[in-house]
C-alpha atoms as a PDB file:
ATOM      1  CA  MET A   1      25.710   0.897   8.653  1.00  0.00           C
ATOM      2  CA  ARG A   2      25.834  -1.817   6.070  1.00  0.00           C
ATOM      3  CA  PHE A   3      22.844  -3.499   7.658  1.00  0.00           C
ATOM      4  CA  LYS A   4      20.721  -0.546   6.593  1.00  0.00           C
ATOM      5  CA  VAL A   5      22.131  -0.566   3.539  1.00  0.00           C
ATOM      6  CA  PHE A   6      21.239  -4.909   3.141  1.00  0.00           C
ATOM      7  CA  GLY A   7      18.087  -3.930   4.445  1.00  0.00           C
ATOM      8  CA  ALA A   8      17.635  -1.054   1.998  1.00  0.00           C
ATOM      9  CA  ALA A   9      18.101  -3.859  -1.055  1.00  0.00           C
ATOM     10  CA  LEU A  10      16.428  -6.089   0.372  1.00  0.00           C
ATOM     11  CA  PHE A  11      13.036  -3.171   0.540  1.00  0.00           C
ATOM     12  CA  ILE A  12      13.926  -1.438  -2.513  1.00  0.00           C
ATOM     13  CA  ALA A  13      13.755  -5.662  -4.197  1.00  0.00           C
ATOM     14  CA  GLY A  14      11.058  -6.376  -2.266  1.00  0.00           C
ATOM     15  CA  ILE A  15       8.705  -3.829  -3.990  1.00  0.00           C
ATOM     16  CA  LEU A  16      10.360  -4.312  -7.368  1.00  0.00           C
ATOM     17  CA  GLY A  17       9.229  -8.094  -7.277  1.00  0.00           C
ATOM     18  CA  ALA A  18       5.902  -7.717  -6.099  1.00  0.00           C
ATOM     19  CA  SER A  19       5.123  -5.732  -8.495  1.00  0.00           C
ATOM     20  CA  ALA A  20       6.264  -7.690 -11.493  1.00  0.00           C
ATOM     21  CA  ALA A  21       3.439  -9.290 -13.205  1.00  0.00           C
ATOM     22  CA  GLN A  22       2.690 -12.552 -13.160  1.00  0.00           C
ATOM     23  CA  ALA A  23       1.584 -14.856 -16.383  1.00  0.00           C
ATOM     24  CA  GLN A  24      -0.971 -16.515 -16.353  1.00  0.00           C
ATOM     25  CA  THR A  25      -1.481 -20.180 -16.647  1.00  0.00           C
ATOM     26  CA  GLU A  26      -3.054 -21.699 -19.653  1.00  0.00           C
ATOM     27  CA  ILE A  27      -4.643 -25.114 -19.623  1.00  0.00           C
ATOM     28  CA  GLN A  28      -5.514 -27.302 -22.996  1.00  0.00           C
ATOM     29  CA  TRP A  29      -9.303 -28.449 -21.871  1.00  0.00           C
ATOM     30  CA  TRP A  30      -9.433 -31.501 -24.547  1.00  0.00           C
ATOM     31  CA  HIS A  31     -12.935 -32.562 -25.379  1.00  0.00           C
ATOM     32  CA  SER A  32     -14.813 -34.952 -27.248  1.00  0.00           C
ATOM     33  CA  MET A  33     -18.576 -32.999 -27.309  1.00  0.00           C
ATOM     34  CA  PRO A  34     -19.547 -31.996 -30.930  1.00  0.00           C
ATOM     35  CA  GLY A  35     -22.690 -29.922 -31.200  1.00  0.00           C
ATOM     36  CA  ALA A  36     -24.387 -28.690 -29.187  1.00  0.00           C
ATOM     37  CA  LEU A  37     -22.618 -29.583 -25.561  1.00  0.00           C
ATOM     38  CA  GLY A  38     -19.185 -28.687 -27.216  1.00  0.00           C
ATOM     39  CA  GLU A  39     -20.818 -24.809 -27.315  1.00  0.00           C
ATOM     40  CA  LYS A  40     -22.095 -25.060 -23.602  1.00  0.00           C
ATOM     41  CA  LEU A  41     -18.850 -26.690 -22.925  1.00  0.00           C
ATOM     42  CA  ASN A  42     -17.060 -23.508 -24.401  1.00  0.00           C
ATOM     43  CA  ALA A  43     -19.414 -20.798 -22.641  1.00  0.00           C
ATOM     44  CA  LEU A  44     -17.978 -22.393 -18.993  1.00  0.00           C
ATOM     45  CA  ALA A  45     -14.551 -22.271 -20.870  1.00  0.00           C
ATOM     46  CA  THR A  46     -15.791 -18.479 -21.681  1.00  0.00           C
ATOM     47  CA  LYS A  47     -16.998 -17.706 -17.889  1.00  0.00           C
ATOM     48  CA  PHE A  48     -14.238 -18.811 -15.696  1.00  0.00           C
ATOM     49  CA  ASN A  49     -12.015 -16.802 -17.676  1.00  0.00           C
ATOM     50  CA  GLU A  50     -14.067 -13.711 -17.463  1.00  0.00           C
ATOM     51  CA  SER A  51     -14.035 -14.924 -13.414  1.00  0.00           C
ATOM     52  CA  GLN A  52     -10.270 -14.424 -12.770  1.00  0.00           C
ATOM     53  CA  LYS A  53      -7.496 -13.618 -14.281  1.00  0.00           C
ATOM     54  CA  ASP A  54      -4.833 -16.545 -13.185  1.00  0.00           C
ATOM     55  CA  TYR A  55      -5.718 -19.505 -14.915  1.00  0.00           C
ATOM     56  CA  LYS A  56      -6.789 -19.110 -18.895  1.00  0.00           C
ATOM     57  CA  VAL A  57      -8.540 -22.166 -19.676  1.00  0.00           C
ATOM     58  CA  VAL A  58      -8.575 -23.238 -23.737  1.00  0.00           C
ATOM     59  CA  PRO A  59     -11.291 -26.047 -25.300  1.00  0.00           C
ATOM     60  CA  VAL A  60      -9.397 -28.047 -28.267  1.00  0.00           C
ATOM     61  CA  PHE A  61     -11.752 -30.530 -30.054  1.00  0.00           C
ATOM     62  CA  LYS A  62      -9.986 -33.881 -29.842  1.00  0.00           C
ATOM     63  CA  GLY A  63     -12.469 -35.562 -32.131  1.00  0.00           C
ATOM     64  CA  SER A  64     -15.390 -37.672 -31.177  1.00  0.00           C
ATOM     65  CA  TYR A  65     -15.253 -41.155 -30.063  1.00  0.00           C
ATOM     66  CA  PRO A  66     -15.723 -43.999 -32.713  1.00  0.00           C
ATOM     67  CA  SER A  67     -19.122 -45.633 -33.372  1.00  0.00           C
ATOM     68  CA  ARG A  68     -19.844 -48.933 -32.670  1.00  0.00           C
END
């Protein structure tokens, strides 16, 4: 009897655990691409984000490299 109760409890816990929502992993993508290249990079990140739900790529412009 004890094993049946234990087995039922494990089964219910498995069902409840399987239906729990998983958090989306956010990835900060630092870049230094202004203008048209920055827009293309943002579009690439958007396309990737729309293609799946496990990860979210967030492009972050961190400024340009100093010119010589």
